[in-house]
Amino acid sequence: MAAVLAVDLGNSEVKLGLVDGGRVLGVARVPTPTLRSLDTGEDVLEAAPGLRQLVAERPPVALGSVVSWAGARLAALLTELGCTVHPLTSLDAFGLRIDYEHGEPGVDRVAACAEAFSRTGGPLLLVGAGTAIHTNVVSADGVYLGGAIMPGLRLMAESLRAGTDQIRRIDPKRPCRAIGHSTPECVEIGIYYGWIGGALRLIEETRREVGGKPHLWLTGGQSAWLEPHLEGAHADPDLALLGLTRALERSVPPPG
């Protein structure tokens, strides 16, 4: 198969990457809520800088979405641009068996795990750090076993602001000290250390439960903040895009 436009549609952001030969050639992004205001294919090209170049050859689209309305809308917009859209779920051609009691795990989680498993095998522990932090475990024989989900940095900040009277909106960042000298700084410090402390404890407990030394993988927008604390971790922000591409290539037979 030629180049594929892989789409990782999350709760806060849509990441669109052109993948060819196992490499991500270019990425465009658009905030997920923005899709509500887009009516035409041209609208989405204007809203996502760089997307026009990525779809110039009308590549097939591997669409993984965890937001139903947004996935349907983006599929329609990309179809209008002449692309053939293939919506994928966590049960589609990823090569992993799913051991999950209720419903399905997010397709982005399974896609990233499948890509990581293809490189190192299992057992593995994959940590995604974005809107939420999620942990995911895959056994040595390729069974997706589940994991845990906790709020990410932005959600923590929004929750604290919503539940108090005098804390204004902040953009979470890595602090340079632990004693703040203003309320905004105190909030930034508390959110960061609550986030990273919770994440590292969750990873520690998951590793203990898995036993042995599972391969550790990191992905997502804030994974770079975790990496210095986790010796030997493999980090790749594009795991979900590559896993979605791999699934499409497995499920769509070659022409002719």
Protein backbone atom coordinates (compact mmCIF):
# COMPACT_ATOMS: atom_id res chain seq x y z
CA MET A 1 0.00 0.00 0.00
CA ALA A 2 1.17 3.52 -0.77
CA ALA A 3 1.11 6.36 1.76
CA VAL A 4 -1.70 6.37 4.32
CA LEU A 5 -3.19 9.32 6.19
CA ALA A 6 -3.47 8.05 9.76
CA VAL A 7 -5.81 10.00 12.02
CA ASP A 8 -5.64 9.79 15.81
CA LEU A 9 -8.76 11.65 16.94
CA GLY A 10 -8.70 12.28 20.68
CA ASN A 11 -10.81 14.23 23.12
CA SER A 12 -8.86 17.46 22.80
CA GLU A 13 -6.89 17.19 19.55
CA VAL A 14 -6.91 15.51 16.16
CA LYS A 15 -3.48 14.40 14.94
CA LEU A 16 -3.26 13.61 11.21
CA GLY A 17 -0.05 12.05 9.91
CA LEU A 18 1.00 10.93 6.45
CA VAL A 19 2.73 7.55 6.89
CA ASP A 20 4.75 5.77 4.23
CA GLY A 21 7.15 2.88 4.68
CA GLY A 22 6.85 2.97 8.45
CA ARG A 23 7.81 6.66 8.64
CA VAL A 24 5.66 9.66 9.48
CA LEU A 25 6.35 12.14 6.70
CA GLY A 26 4.30 15.04 8.03
CA VAL A 27 1.73 15.90 10.68
CA ALA A 28 -1.18 18.32 10.87
CA ARG A 29 -3.25 19.08 13.96
CA VAL A 30 -6.61 20.61 14.77
CA PRO A 31 -8.41 20.95 18.12
CA THR A 32 -11.24 18.42 18.30
CA PRO A 33 -13.91 20.97 19.37
CA THR A 34 -13.10 23.00 16.23
CA LEU A 35 -14.68 20.26 14.11
CA ARG A 36 -18.14 21.43 15.24
CA SER A 37 -17.71 24.62 13.23
CA LEU A 38 -16.36 23.05 10.02
CA ASP A 39 -18.86 22.54 7.21
CA THR A 40 -16.77 21.68 4.14
CA GLY A 41 -13.57 19.93 3.15
CA GLU A 42 -12.01 23.31 2.45
CA ASP A 43 -12.84 24.35 6.01
CA VAL A 44 -10.82 21.48 7.49
CA LEU A 45 -7.89 22.29 5.20
CA GLU A 46 -7.90 25.85 6.52
CA ALA A 47 -8.27 24.75 10.15
CA ALA A 48 -5.41 22.22 10.10
CA PRO A 49 -2.21 23.89 8.83
CA GLY A 50 -0.24 21.54 6.61
CA LEU A 51 -3.12 19.18 5.89
CA ARG A 52 -3.50 20.38 2.30
CA GLN A 53 -0.08 18.95 1.44
CA LEU A 54 -0.77 15.68 3.27
CA VAL A 55 -3.96 14.95 1.28
CA ALA A 56 -2.71 16.23 -2.09
CA GLU A 57 -2.51 12.66 -3.48
CA ARG A 58 -5.83 11.62 -1.87
CA PRO A 59 -4.34 8.89 0.34
CA PRO A 60 -6.55 6.29 2.03
CA VAL A 61 -7.40 7.28 5.58
CA ALA A 62 -7.01 5.08 8.67
CA LEU A 63 -9.32 6.84 11.14
CA GLY A 64 -9.17 5.99 14.83
CA SER A 65 -11.55 8.07 16.92
CA VAL A 66 -12.57 8.03 20.57
CA VAL A 67 -15.15 10.80 20.01
CA SER A 68 -18.11 9.47 18.00
CA TRP A 69 -19.56 12.73 16.68
CA ALA A 70 -16.13 14.10 15.75
CA GLY A 71 -15.12 10.92 13.96
CA ALA A 72 -18.28 10.98 11.84
CA ARG A 73 -17.85 14.65 10.96
CA LEU A 74 -14.17 14.36 10.04
CA ALA A 75 -14.86 11.26 7.95
CA ALA A 76 -17.43 13.21 5.95
CA LEU A 77 -15.07 16.16 5.45
CA LEU A 78 -12.16 13.97 4.30
CA THR A 79 -14.48 12.05 1.97
CA GLU A 80 -15.51 15.36 0.42
CA LEU A 81 -11.81 15.97 -0.29
CA GLY A 82 -11.64 12.73 -2.28
CA CYS A 83 -10.09 10.45 0.35
CA THR A 84 -11.42 6.97 1.09
CA VAL A 85 -11.94 6.80 4.85
CA HIS A 86 -11.62 3.54 6.79
CA PRO A 87 -12.93 3.97 10.37
CA LEU A 88 -11.14 1.53 12.68
CA THR A 89 -12.10 0.22 16.11
CA SER A 90 -9.95 -1.45 18.73
CA LEU A 91 -11.08 -4.84 17.39
CA ASP A 92 -9.92 -4.20 13.81
CA ALA A 93 -6.85 -6.03 12.46
CA PHE A 94 -4.37 -4.90 15.10
CA GLY A 95 -3.15 -8.45 15.72
CA LEU A 96 -3.78 -8.31 19.48
CA ARG A 97 -6.42 -10.29 21.33
CA ILE A 98 -8.54 -8.14 23.64
CA ASP A 99 -9.28 -9.30 27.19
CA TYR A 100 -11.72 -6.60 28.34
CA GLU A 101 -14.87 -7.19 30.38
CA HIS A 102 -17.08 -4.29 29.31
CA GLY A 103 -17.04 -2.55 25.93
CA GLU A 104 -13.79 -1.92 24.10
CA PRO A 105 -10.60 -0.07 25.01
CA GLY A 106 -9.92 3.11 23.06
CA VAL A 107 -8.70 2.47 19.54
CA ASP A 108 -5.78 4.85 20.08
CA ARG A 109 -4.59 2.76 23.03
CA VAL A 110 -4.77 -0.52 21.13
CA ALA A 111 -3.15 0.98 18.01
CA ALA A 112 -0.19 2.26 20.02
CA CYS A 113 0.16 -1.06 21.86
CA ALA A 114 0.07 -3.01 18.61
CA GLU A 115 2.86 -0.90 17.14
CA ALA A 116 4.96 -1.25 20.29
CA PHE A 117 4.36 -5.02 20.41
CA SER A 118 5.48 -5.35 16.79
CA ARG A 119 8.86 -3.89 17.77
CA THR A 120 9.70 -5.44 21.14
CA GLY A 121 7.10 -8.12 21.74
CA GLY A 122 5.71 -8.51 25.24
CA PRO A 123 5.06 -8.34 27.99
CA LEU A 124 4.91 -4.59 27.67
CA LEU A 125 3.56 -1.61 29.55
CA LEU A 126 2.60 1.35 27.41
CA VAL A 127 1.94 4.75 28.99
CA GLY A 128 0.11 7.43 27.03
CA ALA A 129 0.34 10.96 28.39
CA GLY A 130 -2.11 13.40 26.82
CA THR A 131 -5.57 14.63 27.82
CA ALA A 132 -5.51 11.66 30.18
CA ILE A 133 -2.71 9.39 31.33
CA HIS A 134 -3.47 5.80 30.44
CA THR A 135 -1.52 2.66 31.15
CA ASN A 136 -1.88 -0.42 28.98
CA VAL A 137 -0.51 -3.92 29.42
CA VAL A 138 0.06 -6.51 26.69
CA SER A 139 1.09 -10.05 27.62
CA ALA A 140 3.96 -12.00 26.10
CA ASP A 141 1.53 -13.83 23.82
CA GLY A 142 -0.14 -10.67 22.49
CA VAL A 143 -3.20 -10.26 24.72
CA TYR A 144 -4.28 -6.72 25.56
CA LEU A 145 -5.10 -6.93 29.28
CA GLY A 146 -6.23 -3.37 30.05
CA GLY A 147 -4.68 -0.86 32.42
CA ALA A 148 -5.75 2.35 34.11
CA ILE A 149 -6.79 5.91 33.26
CA MET A 150 -6.15 9.08 35.28
CA PRO A 151 -6.62 12.79 34.49
CA GLY A 152 -3.92 14.55 32.54
CA LEU A 153 -2.37 17.92 33.31
CA ARG A 154 -5.00 20.01 31.54
CA LEU A 155 -7.90 18.15 33.14
CA MET A 156 -6.35 18.57 36.58
CA ALA A 157 -5.97 22.30 36.01
CA GLU A 158 -9.54 22.68 34.72
CA SER A 159 -10.95 20.70 37.65
CA LEU A 160 -9.15 22.85 40.22
CA ARG A 161 -10.31 26.04 38.55
CA ALA A 162 -13.92 24.82 38.32
CA GLY A 163 -14.03 23.79 41.96
CA THR A 164 -12.60 26.99 43.48
CA ASP A 165 -13.52 30.65 43.48
CA GLN A 166 -10.26 32.57 43.09
CA ILE A 167 -8.03 30.37 40.94
CA ARG A 168 -7.82 31.58 37.37
CA ARG A 169 -7.05 29.48 34.34
CA ILE A 170 -3.41 28.47 33.95
CA ASP A 171 -1.41 26.55 31.38
CA PRO A 172 0.36 23.74 33.26
CA LYS A 173 4.12 23.67 32.91
CA ARG A 174 7.11 22.12 34.59
CA PRO A 175 7.98 24.26 37.66
CA CYS A 176 11.49 25.24 38.66
CA ARG A 177 10.83 24.96 42.42
CA ALA A 178 8.43 23.43 44.92
CA ILE A 179 7.56 26.55 46.94
CA GLY A 180 5.40 28.95 44.97
CA HIS A 181 5.27 32.69 45.67
CA SER A 182 1.89 33.42 44.09
CA THR A 183 -1.38 31.56 43.82
CA PRO A 184 -0.93 30.78 40.09
CA GLU A 185 2.57 29.45 40.77
CA CYS A 186 1.33 27.37 43.71
CA VAL A 187 -1.31 25.87 41.45
CA GLU A 188 1.21 25.10 38.71
CA ILE A 189 3.50 23.36 41.21
CA GLY A 190 0.70 21.35 42.81
CA ILE A 191 -0.73 20.19 39.50
CA TYR A 192 2.63 19.17 38.08
CA TYR A 193 3.77 17.17 41.12
CA GLY A 194 0.34 15.63 41.61
CA TRP A 195 0.35 14.59 37.95
CA ILE A 196 3.88 13.23 37.76
CA GLY A 197 3.74 11.65 41.21
CA GLY A 198 0.49 9.89 40.41
CA ALA A 199 1.77 8.75 37.02
CA LEU A 200 5.04 7.33 38.38
CA ARG A 201 3.26 5.54 41.24
CA LEU A 202 0.76 4.05 38.79
CA ILE A 203 3.60 2.83 36.55
CA GLU A 204 5.40 1.35 39.56
CA GLU A 205 2.32 -0.55 40.74
CA THR A 206 1.54 -1.79 37.24
CA ARG A 207 5.09 -3.05 36.77
CA ARG A 208 4.86 -4.86 40.10
CA GLU A 209 1.58 -6.51 39.12
CA VAL A 210 2.89 -7.58 35.71
CA GLY A 211 6.07 -8.97 37.25
CA GLY A 212 9.48 -9.37 35.66
CA LYS A 213 10.73 -6.58 33.43
CA PRO A 214 8.05 -5.63 30.87
CA HIS A 215 9.15 -3.42 28.00
CA LEU A 216 8.16 0.14 28.89
CA TRP A 217 6.82 2.42 26.14
CA LEU A 218 5.86 6.10 26.33
CA THR A 219 3.75 8.08 23.89
CA GLY A 220 1.61 11.23 23.88
CA GLY A 221 2.19 14.95 24.14
CA GLN A 222 3.50 15.02 27.73
CA SER A 223 5.52 11.80 27.54
CA ALA A 224 8.75 13.83 27.36
CA TRP A 225 8.09 14.96 30.95
CA LEU A 226 7.95 11.35 32.12
CA GLU A 227 10.89 9.98 30.15
CA PRO A 228 13.71 11.38 32.36
CA HIS A 229 12.21 9.55 35.35
CA LEU A 230 11.94 6.14 33.64
CA GLU A 231 15.25 4.54 32.78
CA GLY A 232 15.19 2.30 29.74
CA ALA A 233 11.83 3.49 28.44
CA HIS A 234 11.16 3.53 24.70
CA ALA A 235 9.49 6.80 23.63
CA ASP A 236 7.69 7.45 20.35
CA PRO A 237 5.00 10.13 20.00
CA ASP A 238 3.69 8.55 16.78
CA LEU A 239 2.87 5.03 17.98
CA ALA A 240 -0.88 5.41 17.46
CA LEU A 241 -0.46 6.78 13.91
CA LEU A 242 1.86 3.93 12.96
CA GLY A 243 -0.39 1.34 14.57
CA LEU A 244 -3.44 2.65 12.71
CA THR A 245 -1.51 2.47 9.44
CA ARG A 246 -0.40 -1.08 10.18
CA ALA A 247 -4.02 -2.12 10.87
CA LEU A 248 -5.27 -0.62 7.61
CA GLU A 249 -2.56 -2.35 5.64
CA ARG A 250 -3.51 -5.66 7.26
CA SER A 251 -7.24 -5.26 6.63
CA VAL A 252 -7.34 -3.82 3.09
CA PRO A 253 -6.14 -6.23 0.37
CA PRO A 254 -3.71 -4.81 -2.20
CA PRO A 255 -5.23 -3.74 -5.54
CA GLY A 256 -5.42 -6.36 -8.29
